[in-house]
Amino acid sequence: LVKTLGIRPELAKADLVSAAVRIGGGSDDTIYYDFDLALAPKTCSKGSEILAGTCPYDEVVLLSAGVSGGKVQTLVVTANFDQWKKNGPAIRQLRDSFNVQE
């Protein structure tokens, strides 16, 4: 999947938080595959734990892929933990607005 979508190799090890399929609106009948991924830190100190043994993610990655005209088009939106905490719904809305036009 990483190679097919042309995304960063380290995302192959990211946690899959959610996945969904949506169909474009209006005259756009393209099928979109949306993924919410999260990259955990390599190490986690006791002071940065949210719960015992649980660290905040370093990075949240929202990915959308649509196939149109035989080509895969992707949108990748990244946010660090603080950006996601403050603007998560707006960032998700940005990703959800992605559409492919031929």
N, C-alpha and C. Protein backbone atom coordinates (compact mmCIF):
# COMPACT_ATOMS: atom_id res chain seq x y z
N LEU A 1 0.83 -1.20 0.00
CA LEU A 1 0.00 0.00 0.00
C LEU A 1 0.87 1.26 0.00
N VAL A 2 1.95 1.24 0.76
CA VAL A 2 2.84 2.40 0.84
C VAL A 2 3.42 2.71 -0.54
N LYS A 3 3.88 1.69 -1.24
CA LYS A 3 4.45 1.88 -2.58
C LYS A 3 3.38 2.34 -3.57
N THR A 4 2.24 1.70 -3.54
CA THR A 4 1.16 2.03 -4.48
C THR A 4 0.73 3.48 -4.33
N LEU A 5 0.63 3.96 -3.11
CA LEU A 5 0.17 5.32 -2.86
C LEU A 5 1.29 6.35 -2.88
N GLY A 6 2.53 5.88 -2.92
CA GLY A 6 3.67 6.79 -2.97
C GLY A 6 3.84 7.61 -1.71
N ILE A 7 3.61 6.99 -0.56
CA ILE A 7 3.72 7.71 0.71
C ILE A 7 4.98 7.28 1.45
N ARG A 8 5.32 8.01 2.50
CA ARG A 8 6.54 7.76 3.27
C ARG A 8 6.58 6.32 3.82
N PRO A 9 7.72 5.65 3.67
CA PRO A 9 7.83 4.26 4.11
C PRO A 9 7.51 4.04 5.59
N GLU A 10 7.84 5.00 6.46
CA GLU A 10 7.58 4.79 7.90
C GLU A 10 6.09 4.70 8.21
N LEU A 11 5.24 5.13 7.30
CA LEU A 11 3.79 5.02 7.53
C LEU A 11 3.31 3.57 7.48
N ALA A 12 4.13 2.68 6.95
CA ALA A 12 3.78 1.25 6.96
C ALA A 12 3.70 0.72 8.39
N LYS A 13 4.40 1.38 9.33
CA LYS A 13 4.41 0.95 10.72
C LYS A 13 3.48 1.79 11.60
N ALA A 14 2.75 2.72 11.00
CA ALA A 14 1.85 3.58 11.77
C ALA A 14 0.65 2.78 12.26
N ASP A 15 0.05 3.25 13.35
CA ASP A 15 -1.19 2.66 13.84
C ASP A 15 -2.34 3.12 12.95
N LEU A 16 -3.18 2.20 12.55
CA LEU A 16 -4.38 2.53 11.79
C LEU A 16 -5.48 2.87 12.80
N VAL A 17 -5.85 4.13 12.86
CA VAL A 17 -6.85 4.59 13.82
C VAL A 17 -8.25 4.37 13.25
N SER A 18 -8.43 4.71 11.97
CA SER A 18 -9.72 4.44 11.32
C SER A 18 -9.55 4.39 9.82
N ALA A 19 -10.52 3.78 9.16
CA ALA A 19 -10.53 3.69 7.71
C ALA A 19 -11.98 3.77 7.25
N ALA A 20 -12.19 4.41 6.12
CA ALA A 20 -13.55 4.55 5.60
C ALA A 20 -13.51 4.65 4.08
N VAL A 21 -14.63 4.35 3.48
CA VAL A 21 -14.81 4.50 2.05
C VAL A 21 -15.92 5.51 1.85
N ARG A 22 -15.71 6.45 0.91
CA ARG A 22 -16.75 7.43 0.60
C ARG A 22 -16.83 7.60 -0.90
N ILE A 23 -17.98 8.03 -1.36
CA ILE A 23 -18.19 8.29 -2.78
C ILE A 23 -18.32 9.79 -2.95
N GLY A 24 -17.63 10.32 -3.97
CA GLY A 24 -17.65 11.76 -4.22
C GLY A 24 -19.08 12.25 -4.41
N GLY A 25 -19.29 13.52 -4.09
CA GLY A 25 -20.62 14.11 -4.21
C GLY A 25 -20.86 14.73 -5.58
N GLY A 26 -22.10 15.06 -5.86
CA GLY A 26 -22.46 15.71 -7.13
C GLY A 26 -22.17 14.82 -8.31
N SER A 27 -21.50 15.35 -9.33
CA SER A 27 -21.20 14.57 -10.53
C SER A 27 -19.97 13.69 -10.35
N ASP A 28 -19.32 13.79 -9.21
CA ASP A 28 -18.12 13.01 -8.93
C ASP A 28 -18.51 11.68 -8.30
N ASP A 29 -18.40 10.60 -9.06
CA ASP A 29 -18.73 9.28 -8.52
C ASP A 29 -17.47 8.48 -8.17
N THR A 30 -16.36 9.20 -7.99
CA THR A 30 -15.11 8.56 -7.61
C THR A 30 -15.22 7.96 -6.22
N ILE A 31 -14.64 6.79 -6.05
CA ILE A 31 -14.60 6.16 -4.73
C ILE A 31 -13.30 6.59 -4.06
N TYR A 32 -13.42 7.05 -2.82
CA TYR A 32 -12.27 7.50 -2.03
C TYR A 32 -12.07 6.58 -0.84
N TYR A 33 -10.82 6.32 -0.54
CA TYR A 33 -10.44 5.51 0.61
C TYR A 33 -9.71 6.43 1.57
N ASP A 34 -10.28 6.62 2.75
CA ASP A 34 -9.73 7.54 3.75
C ASP A 34 -9.14 6.75 4.91
N PHE A 35 -7.94 7.12 5.30
CA PHE A 35 -7.24 6.45 6.40
C PHE A 35 -6.76 7.49 7.40
N ASP A 36 -6.94 7.20 8.68
CA ASP A 36 -6.37 8.00 9.77
C ASP A 36 -5.26 7.16 10.39
N LEU A 37 -4.04 7.65 10.29
CA LEU A 37 -2.88 6.94 10.80
C LEU A 37 -2.22 7.75 11.90
N ALA A 38 -1.51 7.09 12.78
CA ALA A 38 -0.80 7.79 13.85
C ALA A 38 0.55 7.13 14.07
N LEU A 39 1.57 7.97 14.17
CA LEU A 39 2.93 7.49 14.42
C LEU A 39 3.28 7.70 15.89
N ALA A 40 3.62 6.61 16.56
CA ALA A 40 4.01 6.68 17.96
C ALA A 40 5.47 7.09 18.08
N PRO A 41 5.84 7.71 19.18
CA PRO A 41 7.25 8.05 19.38
C PRO A 41 8.08 6.78 19.55
N LYS A 42 9.36 6.89 19.22
CA LYS A 42 10.25 5.73 19.37
C LYS A 42 10.43 5.37 20.85
N THR A 43 10.46 6.40 21.71
CA THR A 43 10.55 6.17 23.15
C THR A 43 9.55 7.09 23.84
N CYS A 44 9.19 6.71 25.05
CA CYS A 44 8.20 7.49 25.80
C CYS A 44 8.66 7.62 27.25
N SER A 45 8.85 8.85 27.69
CA SER A 45 9.26 9.06 29.07
C SER A 45 8.03 9.03 29.98
N LYS A 46 8.25 8.73 31.23
CA LYS A 46 7.15 8.69 32.20
C LYS A 46 6.38 10.00 32.24
N GLY A 47 7.06 11.13 32.10
CA GLY A 47 6.40 12.43 32.17
C GLY A 47 5.50 12.75 31.01
N SER A 48 5.69 12.07 29.86
CA SER A 48 4.87 12.39 28.69
C SER A 48 3.71 11.41 28.50
N GLU A 49 3.56 10.44 29.39
CA GLU A 49 2.47 9.47 29.26
C GLU A 49 1.12 10.13 29.51
N ILE A 50 0.13 9.76 28.68
CA ILE A 50 -1.25 10.22 28.89
C ILE A 50 -1.89 9.34 29.95
N LEU A 51 -1.81 8.04 29.76
CA LEU A 51 -2.22 7.03 30.74
C LEU A 51 -1.00 6.15 30.95
N ALA A 52 -1.04 5.32 31.95
CA ALA A 52 0.10 4.44 32.21
C ALA A 52 0.42 3.63 30.96
N GLY A 53 1.63 3.81 30.44
CA GLY A 53 2.07 3.06 29.28
C GLY A 53 1.55 3.57 27.95
N THR A 54 0.86 4.70 27.94
CA THR A 54 0.30 5.25 26.70
C THR A 54 0.87 6.64 26.46
N CYS A 55 1.54 6.81 25.34
CA CYS A 55 2.14 8.10 25.00
C CYS A 55 1.33 8.78 23.90
N PRO A 56 1.36 10.10 23.86
CA PRO A 56 0.71 10.80 22.75
C PRO A 56 1.48 10.51 21.46
N TYR A 57 0.76 10.48 20.38
CA TYR A 57 1.41 10.26 19.08
C TYR A 57 2.28 11.45 18.72
N ASP A 58 3.37 11.16 18.02
CA ASP A 58 4.23 12.23 17.50
C ASP A 58 3.55 12.94 16.33
N GLU A 59 2.85 12.15 15.53
CA GLU A 59 2.30 12.70 14.29
C GLU A 59 1.01 11.96 13.93
N VAL A 60 0.03 12.70 13.48
CA VAL A 60 -1.21 12.14 12.94
C VAL A 60 -1.18 12.39 11.44
N VAL A 61 -1.51 11.36 10.67
CA VAL A 61 -1.48 11.46 9.21
C VAL A 61 -2.85 11.06 8.68
N LEU A 62 -3.48 11.98 7.97
CA LEU A 62 -4.76 11.69 7.33
C LEU A 62 -4.49 11.51 5.85
N LEU A 63 -4.95 10.42 5.31
CA LEU A 63 -4.67 10.06 3.93
C LEU A 63 -5.98 9.82 3.21
N SER A 64 -6.08 10.31 1.99
CA SER A 64 -7.23 10.03 1.13
C SER A 64 -6.69 9.63 -0.23
N ALA A 65 -7.24 8.57 -0.80
CA ALA A 65 -6.84 8.11 -2.12
C ALA A 65 -8.09 7.90 -2.97
N GLY A 66 -8.06 8.41 -4.18
CA GLY A 66 -9.16 8.24 -5.11
C GLY A 66 -8.62 7.78 -6.45
N VAL A 67 -9.38 6.95 -7.13
CA VAL A 67 -8.97 6.47 -8.44
C VAL A 67 -9.86 7.13 -9.48
N SER A 68 -9.20 7.79 -10.43
CA SER A 68 -9.93 8.46 -11.50
C SER A 68 -9.11 8.37 -12.77
N GLY A 69 -9.76 8.02 -13.86
CA GLY A 69 -9.07 7.89 -15.13
C GLY A 69 -7.94 6.87 -15.09
N GLY A 70 -8.10 5.84 -14.27
CA GLY A 70 -7.09 4.80 -14.17
C GLY A 70 -5.87 5.18 -13.35
N LYS A 71 -5.89 6.34 -12.72
CA LYS A 71 -4.75 6.79 -11.91
C LYS A 71 -5.17 6.97 -10.46
N VAL A 72 -4.25 6.65 -9.56
CA VAL A 72 -4.48 6.85 -8.14
C VAL A 72 -3.98 8.24 -7.78
N GLN A 73 -4.85 9.03 -7.18
CA GLN A 73 -4.49 10.36 -6.69
C GLN A 73 -4.58 10.33 -5.17
N THR A 74 -3.59 10.89 -4.50
CA THR A 74 -3.59 10.87 -3.04
C THR A 74 -3.42 12.26 -2.45
N LEU A 75 -3.98 12.41 -1.28
CA LEU A 75 -3.78 13.61 -0.47
C LEU A 75 -3.30 13.12 0.89
N VAL A 76 -2.22 13.70 1.38
CA VAL A 76 -1.69 13.35 2.69
C VAL A 76 -1.60 14.63 3.51
N VAL A 77 -2.25 14.64 4.67
CA VAL A 77 -2.24 15.79 5.57
C VAL A 77 -1.62 15.32 6.88
N THR A 78 -0.60 16.03 7.34
CA THR A 78 0.06 15.64 8.58
C THR A 78 -0.09 16.74 9.64
N ALA A 79 -0.10 16.30 10.89
CA ALA A 79 -0.17 17.24 12.01
C ALA A 79 0.60 16.63 13.18
N ASN A 80 1.32 17.48 13.92
CA ASN A 80 1.95 16.98 15.13
C ASN A 80 0.88 16.91 16.23
N PHE A 81 1.26 16.40 17.40
CA PHE A 81 0.29 16.18 18.47
C PHE A 81 -0.44 17.46 18.87
N ASP A 82 0.29 18.55 19.03
CA ASP A 82 -0.34 19.81 19.45
C ASP A 82 -1.27 20.37 18.37
N GLN A 83 -0.86 20.28 17.11
CA GLN A 83 -1.72 20.75 16.02
C GLN A 83 -3.00 19.93 15.96
N TRP A 84 -2.87 18.62 16.13
CA TRP A 84 -4.03 17.74 16.07
C TRP A 84 -4.98 18.01 17.23
N LYS A 85 -4.41 18.18 18.42
CA LYS A 85 -5.22 18.43 19.62
C LYS A 85 -6.04 19.72 19.45
N LYS A 86 -5.42 20.73 18.87
CA LYS A 86 -6.08 22.03 18.71
C LYS A 86 -7.03 22.08 17.51
N ASN A 87 -6.65 21.44 16.39
CA ASN A 87 -7.38 21.61 15.13
C ASN A 87 -7.84 20.31 14.48
N GLY A 88 -7.93 19.23 15.23
CA GLY A 88 -8.28 17.93 14.65
C GLY A 88 -9.50 17.93 13.75
N PRO A 89 -10.65 18.46 14.21
CA PRO A 89 -11.84 18.45 13.35
C PRO A 89 -11.66 19.23 12.04
N ALA A 90 -10.97 20.36 12.10
CA ALA A 90 -10.75 21.16 10.88
C ALA A 90 -9.80 20.43 9.92
N ILE A 91 -8.80 19.76 10.48
CA ILE A 91 -7.86 19.02 9.64
C ILE A 91 -8.58 17.84 8.98
N ARG A 92 -9.42 17.16 9.72
CA ARG A 92 -10.19 16.05 9.14
C ARG A 92 -11.14 16.56 8.06
N GLN A 93 -11.77 17.71 8.29
CA GLN A 93 -12.68 18.29 7.28
C GLN A 93 -11.91 18.64 6.01
N LEU A 94 -10.69 19.14 6.15
CA LEU A 94 -9.84 19.43 4.99
C LEU A 94 -9.62 18.15 4.18
N ARG A 95 -9.22 17.08 4.84
CA ARG A 95 -9.00 15.81 4.15
C ARG A 95 -10.28 15.32 3.48
N ASP A 96 -11.39 15.41 4.18
CA ASP A 96 -12.67 14.93 3.64
C ASP A 96 -13.16 15.73 2.44
N SER A 97 -12.61 16.92 2.24
CA SER A 97 -13.03 17.75 1.10
C SER A 97 -12.26 17.39 -0.18
N PHE A 98 -11.26 16.52 -0.06
CA PHE A 98 -10.45 16.12 -1.22
C PHE A 98 -11.32 15.46 -2.28
N ASN A 99 -11.18 15.93 -3.52
CA ASN A 99 -11.83 15.24 -4.64
C ASN A 99 -10.94 15.35 -5.87
N VAL A 100 -11.12 14.41 -6.77
CA VAL A 100 -10.31 14.31 -7.98
C VAL A 100 -11.17 14.74 -9.15
N GLN A 101 -10.62 15.60 -9.99
CA GLN A 101 -11.33 16.05 -11.19
C GLN A 101 -10.54 15.62 -12.40
N GLU A 102 -11.21 15.06 -13.37
CA GLU A 102 -10.52 14.64 -14.61
C GLU A 102 -10.32 15.81 -15.54
